C-alpha cells in the first residue's frame, strides 16, 4: 500500500486536493510547477498532473525517442 492509497495530499503549493500520481522531484523541475517539502517524490492531484504533462510533452517525447 503506497502513500497515494493512504491519502497523501497534492504537493503543489497552495493545493489541498488529494494526490493521484507521483513523479520524481527531478521531473518536476523543468515544468514550472512549484512544490513544497524536500522529499524525493512529489505527489500531484489530477489538475496539476495534467498541467505537468502539458508542460513537459516535448521533453518526454524526446526522451522516449532517445531510448528507441
Protein backbone atom coordinates (compact mmCIF):
# COMPACT_ATOMS: atom_id res chain seq x y z
CA UNK A 1 0.00 0.00 0.00
CA UNK A 2 1.59 3.23 -1.16
CA UNK A 3 1.29 6.78 0.04
CA UNK A 4 -1.39 7.65 -2.51
CA UNK A 5 -3.59 4.85 -1.21
CA UNK A 6 -3.03 6.19 2.30
CA UNK A 7 -4.37 9.61 1.28
CA UNK A 8 -1.37 11.88 0.75
CA UNK A 9 -2.25 15.37 -0.47
CA UNK A 10 -1.05 17.24 -3.54
CA UNK A 11 2.48 18.64 -3.12
CA UNK A 12 1.86 21.69 -5.33
CA UNK A 13 1.99 24.89 -3.35
CA UNK A 14 -1.45 26.12 -2.33
CA UNK A 15 -3.32 22.96 -3.35
CA UNK A 16 -5.41 20.93 -0.90
CA UNK A 17 -6.65 18.20 -3.29
CA UNK A 18 -5.71 14.54 -2.73
CA UNK A 19 -2.72 13.25 -4.68
CA UNK A 20 -3.31 10.86 -7.57
CA UNK A 21 0.11 10.47 -9.19
CA UNK A 22 3.70 10.66 -8.03
CA UNK A 23 6.71 11.82 -10.00
CA UNK A 24 10.29 12.49 -9.03
CA UNK A 25 11.31 15.98 -7.96
CA UNK A 26 13.81 15.99 -10.84
CA UNK A 27 10.99 15.52 -13.37
CA UNK A 28 9.03 18.38 -11.81
CA UNK A 29 11.97 20.80 -12.01
CA UNK A 30 11.60 21.67 -15.71
CA UNK A 31 7.84 22.12 -15.73
CA UNK A 32 7.38 25.44 -13.95
CA UNK A 33 5.27 23.97 -11.13
CA UNK A 34 6.45 24.57 -7.58
CA UNK A 35 6.14 22.09 -4.75
CA UNK A 36 6.92 22.36 -1.07
CA UNK A 37 8.93 19.93 1.00
CA UNK A 38 12.25 18.18 0.45
CA UNK A 39 11.08 14.66 -0.40
CA UNK A 40 12.38 12.85 -3.45
CA UNK A 41 8.85 12.13 -4.69
CA UNK A 42 6.22 14.75 -5.47
CA UNK A 43 2.52 13.89 -5.35
CA UNK A 44 0.20 15.68 -7.75
CA UNK A 45 -3.58 15.90 -7.96
CA UNK A 46 -5.36 15.32 -11.25
CA UNK A 47 -5.29 19.02 -12.29
CA UNK A 48 -1.61 19.58 -11.51
CA UNK A 49 -0.61 16.28 -13.14
CA UNK A 50 -2.42 17.41 -16.29
CA UNK A 51 -0.54 20.74 -16.21
CA UNK A 52 2.76 18.90 -15.74
CA UNK A 53 2.03 16.60 -18.70
CA UNK A 54 1.26 19.56 -20.98
CA UNK A 55 4.34 21.50 -19.85
CA UNK A 56 6.75 18.59 -20.42
CA UNK A 57 5.24 16.97 -23.51
CA UNK A 58 8.12 17.82 -25.87
CA UNK A 59 10.78 16.83 -23.34
CA UNK A 60 9.16 13.49 -22.62
CA UNK A 61 8.75 12.64 -26.31
CA UNK A 62 12.40 13.47 -26.97
CA UNK A 63 13.40 11.26 -24.05
CA UNK A 64 11.32 8.35 -25.39
CA UNK A 65 12.80 8.76 -28.88
CA UNK A 66 16.28 8.57 -27.44
CA UNK A 67 15.58 5.13 -25.97
CA UNK A 68 14.04 3.52 -29.03
